[in-house]
C-alpha atoms as a PDB file:
ATOM      1  CA  MET A   1     -16.745   9.679  18.851  1.00  0.00           C
ATOM      2  CA  SER A   2     -13.742  11.804  19.609  1.00  0.00           C
ATOM      3  CA  GLY A   3     -12.919  15.064  20.431  1.00  0.00           C
ATOM      4  CA  ASN A   4     -11.544  17.785  18.022  1.00  0.00           C
ATOM      5  CA  VAL A   5      -8.913  15.137  16.170  1.00  0.00           C
ATOM      6  CA  ARG A   6     -10.902  12.970  14.514  1.00  0.00           C
ATOM      7  CA  ILE A   7      -9.408   8.820  14.866  1.00  0.00           C
ATOM      8  CA  LYS A   8      -9.370   6.704  11.901  1.00  0.00           C
ATOM      9  CA  ILE A   9      -8.923   3.297  11.746  1.00  0.00           C
ATOM     10  CA  CYS A  10      -7.768   1.909   9.050  1.00  0.00           C
ATOM     11  CA  GLY A  11      -7.766  -1.762   7.504  1.00  0.00           C
ATOM     12  CA  ILE A  12     -10.672  -3.161   9.195  1.00  0.00           C
ATOM     13  CA  GLY A  13     -11.075  -6.845   7.966  1.00  0.00           C
ATOM     14  CA  ASN A  14     -14.304  -7.865   8.998  1.00  0.00           C
ATOM     15  CA  ALA A  15     -17.528  -7.106  10.335  1.00  0.00           C
ATOM     16  CA  GLU A  16     -16.716  -7.493  13.905  1.00  0.00           C
ATOM     17  CA  ASP A  17     -13.446  -5.591  14.064  1.00  0.00           C
ATOM     18  CA  ALA A  18     -15.631  -2.723  12.369  1.00  0.00           C
ATOM     19  CA  ILE A  19     -18.494  -2.866  15.084  1.00  0.00           C
ATOM     20  CA  VAL A  20     -15.135  -3.141  17.688  1.00  0.00           C
ATOM     21  CA  ALA A  21     -13.544   0.286  16.485  1.00  0.00           C
ATOM     22  CA  VAL A  22     -17.062   2.257  16.214  1.00  0.00           C
ATOM     23  CA  GLU A  23     -18.003   1.128  19.891  1.00  0.00           C
ATOM     24  CA  ALA A  24     -14.705   2.310  20.899  1.00  0.00           C
ATOM     25  CA  GLY A  25     -15.202   5.637  19.599  1.00  0.00           C
ATOM     26  CA  ALA A  26     -13.799   5.764  16.288  1.00  0.00           C
ATOM     27  CA  ASP A  27     -15.001   8.572  14.034  1.00  0.00           C
ATOM     28  CA  LEU A  28     -13.559   7.181  10.551  1.00  0.00           C
ATOM     29  CA  ILE A  29     -12.883   3.225   9.303  1.00  0.00           C
ATOM     30  CA  GLY A  30     -10.927   2.068   6.222  1.00  0.00           C
ATOM     31  CA  VAL A  31     -11.912  -0.456   4.317  1.00  0.00           C
ATOM     32  CA  ASN A  32      -8.603  -1.707   1.882  1.00  0.00           C
ATOM     33  CA  PHE A  33      -9.122  -2.873  -1.877  1.00  0.00           C
ATOM     34  CA  VAL A  34      -5.535  -2.729  -2.441  1.00  0.00           C
ATOM     35  CA  PRO A  35      -4.525  -6.682  -3.821  1.00  0.00           C
ATOM     36  CA  THR A  36      -0.936  -6.236  -2.466  1.00  0.00           C
ATOM     37  CA  SER A  37      -2.019  -5.175   1.084  1.00  0.00           C
ATOM     38  CA  PRO A  38      -2.408  -8.074   3.741  1.00  0.00           C
ATOM     39  CA  ARG A  39      -5.611  -6.333   4.828  1.00  0.00           C
ATOM     40  CA  CYS A  40      -7.272  -5.947   1.619  1.00  0.00           C
ATOM     41  CA  VAL A  41     -10.744  -7.712   1.111  1.00  0.00           C
ATOM     42  CA  ASP A  42     -13.582  -8.717  -1.112  1.00  0.00           C
ATOM     43  CA  ILE A  43     -16.476  -6.812  -2.269  1.00  0.00           C
ATOM     44  CA  HIS A  44     -18.280  -9.649  -0.141  1.00  0.00           C
ATOM     45  CA  THR A  45     -16.456  -8.941   2.907  1.00  0.00           C
ATOM     46  CA  ALA A  46     -16.549  -4.997   2.557  1.00  0.00           C
ATOM     47  CA  GLU A  47     -20.727  -5.042   2.375  1.00  0.00           C
ATOM     48  CA  ALA A  48     -20.645  -6.929   5.464  1.00  0.00           C
ATOM     49  CA  ILE A  49     -18.276  -4.322   7.204  1.00  0.00           C
ATOM     50  CA  CYS A  50     -20.490  -1.303   6.108  1.00  0.00           C
ATOM     51  CA  GLU A  51     -23.718  -3.257   6.500  1.00  0.00           C
ATOM     52  CA  ALA A  52     -23.192  -3.659  10.359  1.00  0.00           C
ATOM     53  CA  VAL A  53     -22.082  -0.118  11.109  1.00  0.00           C
ATOM     54  CA  ALA A  54     -24.702   1.622   8.711  1.00  0.00           C
ATOM     55  CA  ASP A  55     -26.639   2.752  11.860  1.00  0.00           C
ATOM     56  CA  SER A  56     -23.428   4.532  13.080  1.00  0.00           C
ATOM     57  CA  PRO A  57     -22.151   8.300  12.640  1.00  0.00           C
ATOM     58  CA  VAL A  58     -18.963   7.056  11.521  1.00  0.00           C
ATOM     59  CA  GLU A  59     -17.693   7.004   8.318  1.00  0.00           C
ATOM     60  CA  LYS A  60     -16.750   4.701   5.884  1.00  0.00           C
ATOM     61  CA  VAL A  61     -13.919   4.921   3.921  1.00  0.00           C
ATOM     62  CA  ALA A  62     -12.827   2.841   0.737  1.00  0.00           C
ATOM     63  CA  LEU A  63      -8.832   2.881   0.070  1.00  0.00           C
ATOM     64  CA  PHE A  64      -7.362   2.360  -3.201  1.00  0.00           C
ATOM     65  CA  GLN A  65      -3.899   2.647  -4.490  1.00  0.00           C
ATOM     66  CA  ASN A  66      -3.720   2.934  -8.218  1.00  0.00           C
ATOM     67  CA  ALA A  67      -6.927   0.930  -9.077  1.00  0.00           C
ATOM     68  CA  THR A  68      -8.686   1.464 -12.526  1.00  0.00           C
ATOM     69  CA  TRP A  69     -11.798   3.686 -12.662  1.00  0.00           C
ATOM     70  CA  GLU A  70     -14.051   0.316 -13.633  1.00  0.00           C
ATOM     71  CA  GLU A  71     -12.506  -1.256  -9.845  1.00  0.00           C
ATOM     72  CA  ILE A  72     -13.547   2.163  -7.696  1.00  0.00           C
ATOM     73  CA  GLU A  73     -16.648   2.506  -9.617  1.00  0.00           C
ATOM     74  CA  HIS A  74     -17.422  -1.434  -9.235  1.00  0.00           C
ATOM     75  CA  VAL A  75     -16.973  -1.119  -5.633  1.00  0.00           C
ATOM     76  CA  LEU A  76     -18.663   2.259  -5.340  1.00  0.00           C
ATOM     77  CA  ARG A  77     -21.721   0.727  -6.906  1.00  0.00           C
ATOM     78  CA  ARG A  78     -21.405  -2.198  -4.838  1.00  0.00           C
ATOM     79  CA  VAL A  79     -20.949  -0.944  -1.117  1.00  0.00           C
ATOM     80  CA  GLU A  80     -22.361   2.877   0.350  1.00  0.00           C
ATOM     81  CA  PHE A  81     -19.229   4.494   0.988  1.00  0.00           C
ATOM     82  CA  ASP A  82     -18.811   8.166   2.610  1.00  0.00           C
ATOM     83  CA  ARG A  83     -15.440   8.877   1.720  1.00  0.00           C
ATOM     84  CA  VAL A  84     -12.536   7.539  -0.630  1.00  0.00           C
ATOM     85  CA  GLN A  85      -9.058   7.057  -0.060  1.00  0.00           C
ATOM     86  CA  PHE A  86      -6.210   7.119  -2.998  1.00  0.00           C
ATOM     87  CA  HIS A  87      -2.823   5.413  -1.848  1.00  0.00           C
ATOM     88  CA  GLY A  88      -1.210   5.487  -5.367  1.00  0.00           C
ATOM     89  CA  ASP A  89       0.101   7.611  -8.028  1.00  0.00           C
ATOM     90  CA  GLU A  90      -3.218   9.147  -8.612  1.00  0.00           C
ATOM     91  CA  THR A  91      -3.311  12.399 -10.328  1.00  0.00           C
ATOM     92  CA  GLU A  92      -5.570  15.843  -8.995  1.00  0.00           C
ATOM     93  CA  GLU A  93      -7.755  15.025 -12.113  1.00  0.00           C
ATOM     94  CA  GLU A  94      -8.421  11.846 -11.259  1.00  0.00           C
ATOM     95  CA  VAL A  95      -8.725  12.699  -7.273  1.00  0.00           C
ATOM     96  CA  GLU A  96     -11.327  15.294  -8.398  1.00  0.00           C
ATOM     97  CA  SER A  97     -13.503  13.384 -10.602  1.00  0.00           C
ATOM     98  CA  VAL A  98     -14.724  11.185  -7.579  1.00  0.00           C
ATOM     99  CA  ASP A  99     -17.565  12.355  -6.547  1.00  0.00           C
ATOM    100  CA  LEU A 100     -17.264  11.543  -3.001  1.00  0.00           C
ATOM    101  CA  PRO A 101     -15.234  13.225  -0.396  1.00  0.00           C
ATOM    102  CA  VAL A 102     -11.647  12.142  -0.732  1.00  0.00           C
ATOM    103  CA  ILE A 103      -8.648  11.851   1.716  1.00  0.00           C
ATOM    104  CA  LYS A 104      -4.973  11.698  -0.802  1.00  0.00           C
ATOM    105  CA  ALA A 105      -1.798   9.811   1.226  1.00  0.00           C
ATOM    106  CA  ILE A 106       1.374  11.563   0.566  1.00  0.00           C
ATOM    107  CA  ARG A 107       4.709  10.635   1.377  1.00  0.00           C
ATOM    108  CA  GLY A 108       5.485  12.758   4.664  1.00  0.00           C
ATOM    109  CA  ALA A 109       5.608  16.433   4.861  1.00  0.00           C
ATOM    110  CA  ASP A 110       5.934  16.779   1.274  1.00  0.00           C
ATOM    111  CA  VAL A 111       4.812  20.213   0.627  1.00  0.00           C
ATOM    112  CA  GLU A 112       5.054  20.047  -3.247  1.00  0.00           C
ATOM    113  CA  ALA A 113       2.604  17.327  -3.449  1.00  0.00           C
ATOM    114  CA  ALA A 114      -0.023  18.622  -0.842  1.00  0.00           C
ATOM    115  CA  GLU A 115       0.469  21.928  -3.908  1.00  0.00           C
ATOM    116  CA  THR A 116      -1.012  19.016  -6.078  1.00  0.00           C
ATOM    117  CA  TYR A 117      -4.190  18.423  -4.177  1.00  0.00           C
ATOM    118  CA  PRO A 118      -5.383  22.104  -3.393  1.00  0.00           C
ATOM    119  CA  GLY A 119      -8.632  21.149  -0.929  1.00  0.00           C
ATOM    120  CA  THR A 120      -8.181  17.859  -0.895  1.00  0.00           C
ATOM    121  CA  LEU A 121      -7.762  16.452   2.570  1.00  0.00           C
ATOM    122  CA  LEU A 122      -4.633  14.747   3.253  1.00  0.00           C
ATOM    123  CA  LEU A 123      -2.792  11.488   4.892  1.00  0.00           C
ATOM    124  CA  LEU A 124       0.346  11.828   5.983  1.00  0.00           C
ATOM    125  CA  ASP A 125       2.147   8.624   5.896  1.00  0.00           C
ATOM    126  CA  HIS A 126       5.552   7.269   6.224  1.00  0.00           C
ATOM    127  CA  PRO A 127       8.478   9.226   3.943  1.00  0.00           C
ATOM    128  CA  SER A 128       9.658   5.843   2.341  1.00  0.00           C
ATOM    129  CA  GLU A 129       7.883   3.134   3.562  1.00  0.00           C
ATOM    130  CA  GLY A 130       4.607   3.734   2.278  1.00  0.00           C
ATOM    131  CA  GLY A 131       1.548   2.480   4.561  1.00  0.00           C
ATOM    132  CA  GLY A 132       0.155  -0.075   6.453  1.00  0.00           C
ATOM    133  CA  LYS A 133       3.656  -1.440   7.907  1.00  0.00           C
ATOM    134  CA  GLY A 134       3.253   0.690  11.328  1.00  0.00           C
ATOM    135  CA  LYS A 135       7.119   2.317  10.347  1.00  0.00           C
ATOM    136  CA  VAL A 136       6.978   5.629  12.546  1.00  0.00           C
ATOM    137  CA  TRP A 137       8.882   8.857  11.305  1.00  0.00           C
ATOM    138  CA  ASP A 138       9.058  12.349  12.593  1.00  0.00           C
ATOM    139  CA  TRP A 139       5.720  13.148  12.777  1.00  0.00           C
ATOM    140  CA  SER A 140       6.706  17.004  13.889  1.00  0.00           C
ATOM    141  CA  GLU A 141       7.328  17.895   9.974  1.00  0.00           C
ATOM    142  CA  ALA A 142       3.707  17.640   9.342  1.00  0.00           C
ATOM    143  CA  ALA A 143       3.360  21.125  11.272  1.00  0.00           C
ATOM    144  CA  ASN A 144       4.847  23.181   8.730  1.00  0.00           C
ATOM    145  CA  ILE A 145       1.730  21.622   6.568  1.00  0.00           C
ATOM    146  CA  ILE A 146      -1.011  22.121   9.086  1.00  0.00           C
ATOM    147  CA  GLU A 147       0.529  25.625   9.020  1.00  0.00           C
ATOM    148  CA  LEU A 148       0.184  25.993   5.723  1.00  0.00           C
ATOM    149  CA  GLY A 149      -3.888  26.080   5.485  1.00  0.00           C
ATOM    150  CA  TYR A 150      -3.815  22.298   4.739  1.00  0.00           C
ATOM    151  CA  ASP A 151      -6.573  19.988   6.198  1.00  0.00           C
ATOM    152  CA  VAL A 152      -4.053  16.532   7.229  1.00  0.00           C
ATOM    153  CA  ILE A 153      -4.596  13.061   8.626  1.00  0.00           C
ATOM    154  CA  LEU A 154      -1.748  11.800  10.536  1.00  0.00           C
ATOM    155  CA  ALA A 155      -0.891   8.507  10.242  1.00  0.00           C
ATOM    156  CA  GLY A 156       2.700   6.055   9.970  1.00  0.00           C
ATOM    157  CA  GLY A 157       3.229   4.040  12.845  1.00  0.00           C
ATOM    158  CA  LEU A 158       1.271   5.838  15.249  1.00  0.00           C
ATOM    159  CA  ASN A 159      -0.024   3.728  18.503  1.00  0.00           C
ATOM    160  CA  PRO A 160      -1.764   4.304  22.145  1.00  0.00           C
ATOM    161  CA  ASP A 161       1.819   4.764  23.760  1.00  0.00           C
ATOM    162  CA  ASN A 162       3.200   7.538  20.942  1.00  0.00           C
ATOM    163  CA  VAL A 163       0.111   9.180  19.283  1.00  0.00           C
ATOM    164  CA  GLY A 164      -0.160  11.861  22.529  1.00  0.00           C
ATOM    165  CA  GLN A 165       3.583  12.745  21.927  1.00  0.00           C
ATOM    166  CA  ALA A 166       3.168  12.943  18.092  1.00  0.00           C
ATOM    167  CA  LEU A 167       0.390  15.507  18.398  1.00  0.00           C
ATOM    168  CA  LEU A 168       2.500  17.345  21.429  1.00  0.00           C
ATOM    169  CA  ASP A 169       5.249  17.861  18.756  1.00  0.00           C
ATOM    170  CA  LEU A 170       3.286  19.581  16.218  1.00  0.00           C
ATOM    171  CA  GLY A 171       3.610  22.584  18.456  1.00  0.00           C
ATOM    172  CA  GLY A 172       0.059  23.390  19.005  1.00  0.00           C
ATOM    173  CA  SER A 173      -0.863  22.738  14.815  1.00  0.00           C
ATOM    174  CA  LEU A 174      -2.803  20.096  15.678  1.00  0.00           C
ATOM    175  CA  PRO A 175      -4.229  18.229  12.360  1.00  0.00           C
ATOM    176  CA  TRP A 176      -7.318  17.057  11.079  1.00  0.00           C
ATOM    177  CA  GLY A 177      -7.388  13.765  12.161  1.00  0.00           C
ATOM    178  CA  VAL A 178      -5.258  10.721  12.987  1.00  0.00           C
ATOM    179  CA  ASP A 179      -5.008   7.271  11.375  1.00  0.00           C
ATOM    180  CA  VAL A 180      -3.793   4.045  12.528  1.00  0.00           C
ATOM    181  CA  ALA A 181      -3.907   0.548  11.326  1.00  0.00           C
ATOM    182  CA  THR A 182      -1.327  -2.337  12.930  1.00  0.00           C
ATOM    183  CA  GLY A 183      -1.094   0.216  16.369  1.00  0.00           C
ATOM    184  CA  VAL A 184      -3.914  -0.920  17.461  1.00  0.00           C
ATOM    185  CA  GLU A 185      -4.141  -4.716  16.527  1.00  0.00           C
ATOM    186  CA  VAL A 186      -3.355  -7.795  18.377  1.00  0.00           C
ATOM    187  CA  ASP A 187      -2.921 -10.811  16.251  1.00  0.00           C
ATOM    188  CA  GLY A 188      -4.035  -9.020  13.076  1.00  0.00           C
ATOM    189  CA  ARG A 189      -7.362  -8.272  14.493  1.00  0.00           C
ATOM    190  CA  LYS A 190      -8.515  -4.823  15.943  1.00  0.00           C
ATOM    191  CA  ASN A 191      -8.192  -4.736  19.462  1.00  0.00           C
ATOM    192  CA  ALA A 192     -10.999  -2.567  21.465  1.00  0.00           C
ATOM    193  CA  ASP A 193      -8.854  -1.982  23.999  1.00  0.00           C
ATOM    194  CA  ARG A 194      -6.173  -0.197  22.066  1.00  0.00           C
ATOM    195  CA  ILE A 195      -8.188   1.779  20.296  1.00  0.00           C
ATOM    196  CA  GLU A 196      -9.881   2.793  23.835  1.00  0.00           C
ATOM    197  CA  ALA A 197      -6.271   4.017  24.859  1.00  0.00           C
ATOM    198  CA  PHE A 198      -5.565   5.073  21.580  1.00  0.00           C
ATOM    199  CA  ILE A 199      -8.385   7.858  21.856  1.00  0.00           C
ATOM    200  CA  ALA A 200      -7.794   8.523  25.703  1.00  0.00           C
ATOM    201  CA  ALA A 201      -3.818   9.278  24.272  1.00  0.00           C
ATOM    202  CA  VAL A 202      -5.062  11.582  22.018  1.00  0.00           C
ATOM    203  CA  ALA A 203      -8.047  13.076  23.985  1.00  0.00           C
ATOM    204  CA  ALA A 204      -5.265  13.704  26.656  1.00  0.00           C
ATOM    205  CA  ALA A 205      -2.931  15.594  23.900  1.00  0.00           C
ATOM    206  CA  GLU A 206      -5.388  18.024  23.229  1.00  0.00           C
ATOM    207  CA  ASP A 207      -6.677  19.199  26.702  1.00  0.00           C
ATOM    208  CA  GLU A 208      -2.738  19.512  27.103  1.00  0.00           C
ATOM    209  CA  GLU A 209      -2.706  21.869  24.257  1.00  0.00           C
ATOM    210  CA  THR A 210      -5.408  23.759  24.907  1.00  0.00           C
ATOM    211  CA  VAL A 211      -4.120  24.467  28.463  1.00  0.00           C
ATOM    212  CA  GLU A 212      -1.067  25.503  27.236  1.00  0.00           C
ATOM    213  CA  ALA A 213      -3.124  27.558  24.728  1.00  0.00           C
ATOM    214  CA  THR A 214      -5.343  29.549  27.947  1.00  0.00           C
ATOM    215  CA  GLU A 215      -2.122  29.749  29.842  1.00  0.00           C
ATOM    216  CA  ILE A 216      -0.518  31.533  27.283  1.00  0.00           C
ATOM    217  CA  GLU A 217      -3.215  34.091  26.508  1.00  0.00           C
ATOM    218  CA  HIS A 218      -3.209  34.945  29.789  1.00  0.00           C
END
């Protein structure tokens, strides 16, 4: 497992990639049920993914976007997930109606949107492009929301080469976690070397922040 900043590998498409992510050190894996996404999986594939890592400590996250309650319930009855992630226009009431812990994606560092979902773990994605496209944005803007006391997952265009600097640009306000999909893929498949490099970059940034904080204290 990783350090204080959790690592979420999203868009797991098969059981083999789930095992790769877990063995590389992921804390959470995301399984996509958004029909318009190229990473969308069917219920049988989702079952195989979750069964493959059932004995590991990794958290399994089901991702939906503007799904009906019937669609969500169908998945959660069949597959054992630990969290649900909403990536659409779900209301506070809809978010709170789920029995499992929820991750709510919002566009960029939108404080007004964050205030709509008090107490919910927020995923901050690209302000205009949305999720799953690997588009970078000014992640430093997330510092404001973190400083306001929200738990956030930083997302949108992260990869092994930029995630360390993205964390350092937050100025000591480390997020609850970071989320990556495209950035750790090779030819559309999750790649162990890239996941390990991503996790190593996060750990190095955490260590640098710790050193800087210690130096300031002294």
